[in-house]
Protein backbone atom coordinates (compact mmCIF):
# COMPACT_ATOMS: atom_id res chain seq x y z
CA MET A 1 68.65 -53.39 -151.42
CA PHE A 2 69.68 -56.44 -149.36
CA GLN A 3 70.84 -59.81 -151.23
CA ALA A 4 67.64 -61.59 -150.15
CA GLY A 5 65.29 -59.37 -152.08
CA GLN A 6 67.77 -58.87 -155.45
CA ARG A 7 65.64 -61.35 -157.74
CA GLY A 8 62.28 -59.70 -157.14
CA GLU A 9 63.85 -56.26 -157.43
CA GLN A 10 65.68 -57.02 -160.49
CA ALA A 11 62.45 -58.36 -162.19
CA LEU A 12 60.93 -54.96 -161.03
CA VAL A 13 63.56 -52.71 -162.57
CA ASP A 14 63.58 -55.02 -165.85
CA GLY A 15 59.98 -54.29 -166.28
CA SER A 16 59.94 -50.69 -165.50
CA THR A 17 60.64 -49.43 -169.17
CA ARG A 18 57.84 -51.56 -170.46
CA LEU A 19 55.50 -50.56 -167.68
CA LYS A 20 56.26 -46.80 -168.49
CA GLN A 21 55.59 -47.51 -172.40
CA SER A 22 52.33 -48.60 -171.35
CA PHE A 23 50.99 -45.33 -170.47
CA ALA A 24 51.78 -43.98 -173.56
CA ASP A 25 50.43 -47.06 -175.67
CA PRO A 26 48.92 -49.57 -173.15
CA ALA A 27 47.94 -51.96 -175.95
CA SER A 28 51.64 -52.13 -177.02
CA CYS A 29 52.69 -54.01 -173.92
CA GLY A 30 49.65 -56.37 -173.66
CA LEU A 31 48.09 -54.46 -170.54
CA PRO A 32 44.68 -53.56 -170.72
CA SER A 33 43.98 -49.91 -171.14
CA LEU A 34 41.78 -49.73 -168.05
CA CYS A 35 44.72 -50.20 -165.83
CA VAL A 36 45.90 -46.44 -166.43
CA MET A 37 42.57 -45.21 -165.34
CA SER A 38 41.33 -47.66 -162.80
CA ALA A 39 42.01 -45.11 -159.95
CA SER A 40 39.08 -43.13 -158.88
CA GLN A 41 39.58 -39.56 -160.10
CA PRO A 42 39.02 -36.88 -157.61
CA SER A 43 36.23 -34.56 -157.85
CA ASP A 44 36.79 -31.01 -158.80
CA ASN A 45 36.68 -29.63 -155.37
CA ALA A 46 38.76 -32.46 -153.68
CA ALA A 47 42.46 -32.40 -153.81
CA PRO A 48 44.12 -35.39 -155.02
CA ALA A 49 45.25 -38.08 -152.39
CA GLN A 50 48.88 -37.70 -151.25
CA ILE A 51 50.81 -41.09 -151.46
CA LEU A 52 54.22 -41.28 -149.98
CA ILE A 53 56.45 -43.93 -151.68
CA VAL A 54 59.41 -45.08 -149.43
CA ASP A 55 62.14 -47.29 -151.13
CA ASP A 56 65.94 -46.83 -151.20
CA ALA A 57 65.98 -47.85 -155.27
CA PRO A 58 65.28 -44.63 -157.31
CA GLU A 59 63.96 -46.98 -160.20
CA ASN A 60 61.59 -48.72 -157.89
CA VAL A 61 60.15 -45.45 -156.87
CA ASP A 62 59.95 -44.43 -160.40
CA VAL A 63 57.93 -47.39 -161.40
CA LEU A 64 55.36 -46.77 -158.66
CA ALA A 65 55.19 -42.94 -159.10
CA ALA A 66 54.41 -43.76 -162.86
CA ILE A 67 51.38 -45.84 -161.89
CA LEU A 68 50.12 -43.36 -159.50
CA ARG A 69 50.73 -39.83 -160.90
CA GLY A 70 47.85 -38.43 -162.86
CA SER A 71 45.65 -39.38 -160.12
CA HIS A 72 47.39 -38.88 -156.90
CA GLN A 73 50.24 -36.53 -155.46
CA VAL A 74 53.17 -38.39 -155.13
CA LYS A 75 55.79 -37.85 -152.49
CA VAL A 76 59.17 -39.77 -152.14
CA ALA A 77 61.47 -40.74 -149.45
CA LEU A 78 64.81 -42.95 -150.14
CA ASN A 79 65.13 -43.85 -146.59
CA GLY A 80 63.15 -44.41 -143.35
CA ALA A 81 64.32 -41.31 -141.64
CA LYS A 82 63.11 -39.16 -144.28
CA ALA A 83 59.69 -41.07 -144.43
CA LEU A 84 59.08 -40.43 -140.88
CA LYS A 85 59.99 -36.51 -141.22
CA ILE A 86 57.45 -36.14 -143.92
CA ALA A 87 54.66 -38.33 -142.52
CA GLN A 88 55.14 -36.17 -139.15
CA GLY A 89 55.40 -32.85 -140.94
CA ASP A 90 52.77 -30.31 -141.59
CA SER A 91 51.15 -31.87 -144.78
CA PRO A 92 51.25 -35.60 -144.04
CA PRO A 93 50.48 -38.26 -146.67
CA ASP A 94 47.19 -40.20 -146.96
CA LEU A 95 48.75 -43.37 -147.43
CA ILE A 96 52.18 -44.82 -147.37
CA LEU A 97 53.85 -47.36 -149.93
CA LEU A 98 56.61 -48.89 -147.84
CA ASP A 99 59.57 -51.03 -148.57
CA VAL A 100 61.08 -53.44 -146.34
CA MET A 101 64.45 -53.95 -147.11
CA MET A 102 66.33 -50.60 -146.61
CA PRO A 103 69.50 -50.02 -145.03
CA GLU A 104 69.75 -48.29 -141.55
CA MET A 105 66.25 -48.41 -140.73
CA ASP A 106 64.21 -51.12 -142.49
CA GLY A 107 60.31 -50.78 -143.34
CA TYR A 108 59.31 -52.84 -140.24
CA GLU A 109 61.08 -50.01 -137.98
CA VAL A 110 59.45 -47.24 -139.95
CA CYS A 111 55.90 -48.99 -139.55
CA ARG A 112 56.41 -49.55 -135.89
CA GLN A 113 57.47 -45.93 -135.18
CA LEU A 114 54.42 -44.75 -137.47
CA SER A 115 51.93 -46.72 -135.41
CA ALA A 116 53.36 -45.70 -132.09
CA ASP A 117 53.04 -41.90 -133.10
CA PRO A 118 49.40 -40.33 -132.35
CA ARG A 119 50.21 -38.00 -135.35
CA THR A 120 50.51 -40.73 -137.89
CA ARG A 121 49.24 -43.83 -136.64
CA ASP A 122 45.95 -43.62 -138.79
CA ILE A 123 47.88 -43.25 -141.98
CA PRO A 124 47.47 -46.61 -143.90
CA VAL A 125 50.71 -48.25 -144.65
CA ILE A 126 51.02 -50.90 -147.55
CA PHE A 127 54.36 -52.95 -147.53
CA CYS A 128 55.65 -53.04 -151.20
CA THR A 129 58.34 -55.78 -151.25
CA ALA A 130 59.93 -58.80 -152.37
CA LYS A 131 59.64 -60.35 -148.87
CA THR A 132 56.38 -62.49 -149.34
CA GLU A 133 56.90 -65.27 -146.91
CA VAL A 134 53.87 -65.85 -144.65
CA ASP A 135 55.92 -64.66 -141.42
CA ASP A 136 56.93 -61.53 -143.35
CA GLU A 137 53.62 -60.59 -143.90
CA ALA A 138 52.49 -61.48 -140.61
CA ARG A 139 55.01 -59.49 -138.96
CA GLY A 140 54.22 -56.65 -141.04
CA PHE A 141 50.38 -56.72 -140.01
CA GLU A 142 51.34 -57.03 -136.31
CA LEU A 143 53.23 -53.68 -136.65
CA GLY A 144 50.03 -52.05 -138.02
CA ALA A 145 50.36 -52.29 -141.94
CA VAL A 146 46.89 -52.57 -143.62
CA ASP A 147 47.93 -54.56 -146.70
CA TYR A 148 50.94 -56.23 -148.58
CA LEU A 149 52.03 -55.92 -152.25
CA ALA A 150 54.36 -58.20 -153.80
CA LYS A 151 57.10 -57.05 -156.22
CA PRO A 152 57.15 -57.11 -159.18
CA VAL A 153 53.77 -54.87 -158.79
CA SER A 154 50.82 -55.02 -161.02
CA PRO A 155 49.68 -51.76 -162.02
CA PRO A 156 46.08 -52.57 -161.43
CA ILE A 157 46.44 -54.12 -158.36
CA VAL A 158 48.56 -51.35 -156.99
CA LEU A 159 45.67 -48.84 -158.13
CA ALA A 160 42.95 -51.18 -156.65
CA ARG A 161 44.79 -51.59 -153.18
CA VAL A 162 45.52 -47.88 -153.01
CA ARG A 163 42.01 -46.74 -153.79
CA THR A 164 40.43 -49.32 -151.37
CA HIS A 165 42.63 -48.06 -148.49
CA LEU A 166 42.01 -44.49 -149.20
CA ALA A 167 38.36 -45.10 -149.25
CA LEU A 168 38.37 -47.04 -146.00
CA ARG A 169 40.36 -44.45 -144.36
CA GLN A 170 37.92 -41.83 -145.41
CA SER A 171 35.01 -43.77 -144.01
CA ARG A 172 36.93 -44.14 -140.80
CA ARG A 173 37.34 -40.50 -140.46
CA HIS A 174 33.77 -39.76 -141.43
CA LEU A 175 32.40 -42.42 -138.71
CA GLN A 176 35.02 -40.76 -136.27
CA THR A 177 33.66 -37.44 -137.13
CA LEU A 178 29.93 -38.46 -136.43
CA SER A 179 30.76 -40.21 -133.27
CA GLU A 180 32.59 -37.17 -132.12
CA LYS A 181 29.27 -35.13 -132.87
CA LEU A 182 27.02 -37.81 -131.26
CA SER A 183 29.24 -37.86 -128.13
CA ARG A 184 28.11 -34.16 -127.37
CA TYR A 185 24.50 -35.35 -126.88
CA LEU A 186 25.57 -38.03 -124.56
CA SER A 187 27.48 -38.00 -121.14
CA PRO A 188 30.93 -39.52 -121.95
CA GLN A 189 30.38 -42.28 -119.46
CA VAL A 190 27.22 -43.40 -121.47
CA TYR A 191 28.83 -42.70 -124.72
CA ARG A 192 31.87 -45.03 -124.00
CA SER A 193 29.68 -47.69 -122.40
CA ILE A 194 27.54 -47.92 -125.45
CA PHE A 195 30.57 -47.90 -127.89
CA GLU A 196 32.54 -50.47 -125.94
CA GLY A 197 29.61 -52.64 -125.91
CA ARG A 198 28.95 -52.54 -122.11
CA GLN A 199 25.29 -51.43 -122.67
CA ASP A 200 22.82 -51.92 -125.19
CA ALA A 201 20.61 -48.88 -126.53
CA ARG A 202 17.46 -50.71 -125.43
CA ILE A 203 14.82 -49.82 -122.80
CA GLY A 204 16.00 -51.11 -119.19
CA SER A 205 16.93 -50.18 -115.92
CA SER A 206 18.72 -51.20 -112.56
CA ARG A 207 18.87 -50.19 -109.28
CA LYS A 208 22.00 -48.52 -107.95
CA LYS A 209 23.23 -46.43 -105.10
CA LEU A 210 24.05 -42.94 -106.38
CA THR A 211 25.05 -39.49 -105.28
CA VAL A 212 22.69 -37.14 -106.86
CA PHE A 213 23.46 -33.28 -107.61
CA PHE A 214 21.27 -30.66 -108.45
CA SER A 215 22.09 -26.98 -109.05
CA ASP A 216 20.33 -23.80 -109.86
CA ILE A 217 21.42 -20.10 -110.55
CA VAL A 218 19.88 -17.85 -107.96
CA GLY A 219 17.10 -15.37 -109.35
CA PHE A 220 18.31 -16.06 -112.80
CA THR A 221 15.18 -15.26 -114.46
CA ARG A 222 14.73 -12.15 -112.45
CA GLN A 223 18.18 -10.90 -112.95
CA THR A 224 18.29 -11.26 -116.85
CA GLU A 225 14.59 -10.59 -117.72
CA GLY A 226 15.70 -7.12 -119.29
CA MET A 227 19.08 -8.33 -120.67
CA GLU A 228 19.48 -8.47 -124.36
CA PRO A 229 19.43 -12.03 -125.83
CA GLU A 230 22.89 -11.88 -127.00
CA ASP A 231 24.24 -11.13 -123.81
CA LEU A 232 21.74 -13.74 -122.16
CA ALA A 233 23.19 -16.48 -124.53
CA PHE A 234 26.86 -15.54 -123.77
CA ILE A 235 26.03 -15.76 -120.06
CA LEU A 236 24.11 -19.05 -120.13
CA ASN A 237 26.19 -20.77 -122.52
CA GLY A 238 29.33 -19.66 -120.68
CA TYR A 239 27.88 -20.79 -117.39
CA LEU A 240 26.87 -24.41 -118.58
CA ASN A 241 30.05 -24.72 -120.54
CA ARG A 242 32.34 -24.20 -117.56
CA MET A 243 30.07 -26.49 -115.41
CA ALA A 244 30.39 -29.27 -118.20
CA GLN A 245 34.17 -28.76 -117.88
CA ILE A 246 33.93 -29.34 -114.11
CA VAL A 247 31.56 -32.25 -114.03
CA LEU A 248 33.72 -33.97 -116.73
CA LYS A 249 36.89 -33.32 -114.55
CA HIS A 250 35.48 -34.97 -111.56
CA GLY A 251 33.86 -38.07 -113.34
CA GLY A 252 30.06 -36.93 -112.88
CA THR A 253 27.41 -38.21 -115.41
CA PHE A 254 25.21 -35.63 -117.17
CA ASP A 255 21.72 -36.13 -116.76
CA LYS A 256 20.55 -32.89 -118.38
CA PHE A 257 20.64 -29.25 -118.52
CA MET A 258 17.05 -27.49 -117.66
CA GLY A 259 17.53 -23.72 -118.35
CA ASP A 260 20.16 -22.75 -115.91
CA ALA A 261 19.68 -25.83 -113.77
CA VAL A 262 22.05 -29.01 -113.81
CA LEU A 263 21.22 -32.49 -112.86
CA VAL A 264 24.42 -34.67 -112.53
CA PHE A 265 24.74 -38.11 -110.75
CA PHE A 266 27.84 -40.21 -109.76
CA GLY A 267 28.06 -44.02 -109.58
CA ASP A 268 27.07 -45.14 -113.00
CA PRO A 269 27.73 -46.12 -115.42
CA GLU A 270 31.03 -46.06 -114.05
CA SER A 271 31.77 -46.08 -110.43
CA LEU A 272 34.78 -45.76 -107.79
CA GLY A 273 32.81 -46.89 -104.92
CA VAL A 274 29.91 -45.21 -103.26
CA ALA A 275 32.11 -43.40 -100.82
CA GLU A 276 34.53 -42.04 -103.57
CA ASP A 277 31.73 -40.99 -105.84
CA ALA A 278 30.04 -38.88 -103.00
CA ARG A 279 33.65 -37.33 -102.45
CA ALA A 280 33.93 -36.64 -106.03
CA ALA A 281 30.44 -35.11 -106.33
CA VAL A 282 31.34 -32.71 -103.38
CA HIS A 283 34.70 -31.73 -104.78
CA MET A 284 32.76 -30.67 -107.92
CA ALA A 285 29.98 -28.77 -106.08
CA LEU A 286 32.96 -26.65 -104.32
CA GLU A 287 34.79 -25.93 -107.62
CA MET A 288 31.39 -24.95 -109.41
CA ARG A 289 30.80 -22.55 -106.74
CA ASP A 290 34.46 -21.13 -106.98
CA SER A 291 34.26 -20.91 -110.57
CA LEU A 292 31.58 -18.17 -110.45
CA ALA A 293 34.27 -15.45 -109.51
CA GLU A 294 36.14 -16.21 -112.83
CA LEU A 295 32.88 -16.14 -114.87
CA GLY A 296 31.88 -12.94 -113.26
CA ALA A 297 35.18 -11.46 -114.33
CA GLU A 298 34.60 -12.52 -117.96
CA TRP A 299 31.26 -11.10 -118.11
CA ALA A 300 32.43 -7.87 -116.76
CA ASP A 301 34.93 -7.37 -119.23
CA ARG A 302 31.96 -7.90 -121.74
CA GLY A 303 30.26 -4.93 -120.21
CA ILE A 304 27.64 -7.02 -118.00
CA PRO A 305 27.74 -6.16 -114.52
CA ARG A 306 26.02 -9.07 -113.32
CA GLY A 307 27.05 -11.37 -110.42
CA PHE A 308 25.34 -14.92 -109.76
CA GLU A 309 25.31 -17.29 -107.08
CA ILE A 310 24.30 -20.94 -107.46
CA ARG A 311 22.49 -23.11 -104.68
CA MET A 312 23.33 -26.77 -104.76
CA GLY A 313 21.74 -29.91 -103.24
CA LEU A 314 23.47 -33.45 -102.82
CA THR A 315 21.76 -36.40 -101.84
CA THR A 316 22.85 -40.37 -101.57
CA GLY A 317 20.66 -43.37 -102.02
CA PHE A 318 19.22 -45.80 -104.50
CA CYS A 319 17.77 -44.63 -107.55
CA THR A 320 16.52 -46.36 -110.88
CA VAL A 321 18.93 -45.64 -113.55
CA GLY A 322 18.78 -46.53 -117.11
CA ASN A 323 17.15 -46.25 -120.72
CA PHE A 324 13.51 -44.67 -120.55
CA GLY A 325 11.48 -43.73 -123.25
CA SER A 326 10.27 -45.73 -126.22
CA GLU A 327 12.35 -48.15 -128.61
CA GLU A 328 12.50 -45.14 -131.20
CA ARG A 329 13.50 -42.41 -128.62
CA MET A 330 14.87 -43.01 -125.35
CA ALA A 331 17.07 -41.17 -122.59
CA TYR A 332 19.63 -42.50 -120.25
CA THR A 333 18.59 -40.95 -116.97
CA ILE A 334 17.65 -41.37 -113.42
CA ILE A 335 14.26 -41.30 -111.36
CA GLY A 336 13.45 -41.71 -107.67
CA ASN A 337 13.06 -39.96 -104.52
CA GLN A 338 16.66 -38.88 -104.41
CA VAL A 339 16.39 -36.94 -107.49
CA ASN A 340 13.37 -34.99 -105.89
CA LEU A 341 15.14 -34.69 -102.84
CA ALA A 342 18.29 -33.12 -104.30
CA SER A 343 16.10 -30.63 -106.11
CA ARG A 344 14.37 -29.77 -102.88
CA LEU A 345 17.56 -29.25 -100.89
CA GLN A 346 18.88 -27.07 -103.66
CA SER A 347 15.64 -24.86 -103.29
CA ALA A 348 16.21 -24.89 -99.29
CA ALA A 349 19.79 -23.61 -99.77
CA GLN A 350 21.01 -20.39 -99.32
CA PRO A 351 22.85 -18.31 -102.31
CA GLY A 352 26.41 -19.97 -102.41
CA GLU A 353 25.46 -22.87 -100.19
CA ILE A 354 25.87 -26.66 -100.78
CA LEU A 355 23.46 -28.72 -98.86
CA ILE A 356 23.90 -32.29 -98.28
CA VAL A 357 21.80 -35.03 -96.41
CA HIS A 358 22.89 -37.23 -93.65
CA GLU A 359 23.77 -40.26 -95.63
CA THR A 360 26.07 -38.11 -97.90
CA TRP A 361 27.78 -36.45 -94.68
CA LEU A 362 28.73 -39.58 -93.39
CA LEU A 363 30.54 -40.70 -96.72
CA VAL A 364 32.46 -37.38 -96.77
CA LYS A 365 32.74 -35.96 -93.25
CA GLU A 366 36.42 -37.19 -92.82
CA ASP A 367 37.36 -34.87 -95.93
CA PHE A 368 35.23 -31.83 -95.67
CA GLU A 369 34.16 -29.25 -93.15
CA CYS A 370 30.46 -29.50 -92.67
CA LEU A 371 28.10 -27.37 -90.49
CA PRO A 372 25.08 -29.28 -89.24
CA LYS A 373 21.68 -27.31 -89.72
CA GLU A 374 18.26 -27.60 -88.43
CA PRO A 375 16.37 -30.39 -89.92
CA ILE A 376 13.92 -29.35 -93.03
CA PHE A 377 10.64 -30.37 -94.03
CA VAL A 378 10.55 -30.78 -97.86
CA LYS A 379 7.69 -31.72 -100.11
CA GLY A 380 7.14 -35.24 -100.66
CA PHE A 381 8.92 -36.66 -97.65
CA GLU A 382 6.85 -37.18 -94.45
CA ARG A 383 9.88 -36.89 -92.09
CA PRO A 384 12.25 -33.88 -91.22
CA ILE A 385 15.61 -34.01 -93.37
CA GLN A 386 18.79 -33.74 -91.56
CA THR A 387 20.96 -31.53 -93.55
CA TYR A 388 24.74 -30.05 -93.63
CA SER A 389 26.32 -27.04 -95.10
CA VAL A 390 29.49 -27.78 -96.81
CA VAL A 391 32.20 -25.21 -95.83
CA GLY A 392 35.14 -26.82 -97.93
CA PRO A 393 37.83 -29.27 -97.43
CA ARG A 394 39.15 -30.17 -94.03
CA GLY A 395 40.90 -27.21 -92.37
CA THR A 396 38.68 -24.72 -93.99
CA THR A 397 36.97 -22.08 -91.43
CA VAL A 398 33.53 -20.45 -92.28
CA VAL A 399 35.23 -17.25 -92.06
CA GLN A 400 37.29 -18.21 -95.24
CA ARG A 401 34.28 -18.53 -97.32
CA ARG A 402 34.20 -16.28 -100.43
CA ILE A 403 31.24 -13.85 -100.44
CA ASP A 404 30.04 -13.11 -104.16
CA ASP A 405 26.73 -11.31 -104.58
CA SER A 406 25.33 -8.97 -106.98
CA ARG A 407 21.60 -7.06 -107.05
CA LYS A 408 20.26 -4.06 -108.01
CA GLY A 409 22.39 -1.20 -106.17
CA PHE A 410 24.69 -3.72 -104.58
CA SER A 411 27.69 -5.65 -105.50
CA LEU A 412 30.11 -7.23 -103.19
CA VAL A 413 33.26 -9.62 -104.27
CA LEU A 414 34.84 -10.78 -100.78
CA ASP A 415 37.55 -13.54 -100.43
CA PRO A 416 38.97 -12.99 -96.83
CA ALA A 417 41.70 -15.77 -97.49
CA GLN A 418 42.91 -13.64 -100.35
CA VAL A 419 43.10 -10.36 -98.47
CA GLU A 420 46.59 -9.26 -97.80
CA ALA A 421 47.50 -8.55 -93.99
CA GLN A 422 48.23 -5.01 -94.75
CA ASP A 423 45.16 -4.42 -96.44
CA ARG A 424 42.78 -5.73 -94.07
CA PRO A 425 42.25 -2.69 -91.94
CA LEU A 426 41.40 -0.56 -95.03
CA VAL A 427 38.92 -3.31 -96.19
CA ILE A 428 37.22 -3.42 -92.75
CA GLU A 429 36.89 0.60 -92.72
CA GLN A 430 35.40 0.17 -96.28
CA LEU A 431 32.98 -2.21 -95.04
CA LYS A 432 31.96 -0.44 -92.01
CA ALA A 433 31.51 2.78 -93.76
CA ALA A 434 29.16 1.01 -96.25
CA LEU A 435 27.16 -0.60 -93.48
CA GLY A 436 26.91 2.79 -91.76
CA ARG A 437 25.49 4.20 -95.04
CA MET A 438 22.97 1.45 -95.42
CA GLN A 439 21.75 1.80 -91.82
């Protein structure tokens, strides 16, 4: 130990024999008998908590180990490097009692490295040291320690502090598990805005300019009506899971799943600007369309010869967004004409097509190839709606679009951009032969 702490360390060593005797006969040393049993005993089904004692003086380790053994599993490290190795191992401790004054690597540096490592930053660290000046304690807390114990230690205090911080860690983990489960019922952006205090869980709404996305699988009910429930669940859950991953990748806010339909919006509660939100929405739609080929291969491997296509509609305009419902039960959602229009566009799109309105096209036209289409009349809108079909990013041509279609007696997956030059004549002959038989 360093000179500065010798007086406190010696007092701890001198009392170690008396302390150990107290565990055999507590009354013989004047210590109350409850000090031995004050730590909460683990239940029959729970393993005792693991405590790592870090001190370069073996006699000090013996004192702390004598206090903790019987109610906890004890691990020992006589230097900082060994402590880090144990903490970062396969069976990390539940709490660390850490000395400050150690050669080569002191306790402050050990604590700093523990706090900086994602694997160990949630392990409570209690400094157990003779350095008890206010500045010493402040430094320890700044580095991530949760408590301070002064040497020579008091057994009841050691047990009480250890019990308290183990309980706090267990509570934090329980809350983290609950919050992770809760997050699955909310869009990540909404979840973060609530937990970061940027939004209250109360009825309220606002008007914002959003890009709204609506998609639906073409003929899903008709194609799956004779399917076994297990296969149907496999297909639907696989599809929705993949769509959810793509939405999160591009920063969209989930509104809801409606069977095989998906409603997403961009621009609230987080926004990169109206134009960037629109571009992210179109990128997302293109990736969703392309992902169906991978999903089709997964379904085929399971013996489900089904090919699906999706229709998609995107609009950009002002919506009312916020919490709707009752004080006891509410949903974060959007309402307004733009939601209805996105749904109508989806219905008007061809299989595999992404239809956008003129307002969205103005925001994305520099980044995506889009083909103008005839204006369409949709329910709920008096004027015709000018639409555009998204082909792909700039430089994409119509001929490069993938064809993926399957129905009774027919299945075709064709991506001209992926066909090798030497294989093109054979592919063309096969298509001509198929067309001739159909005619």
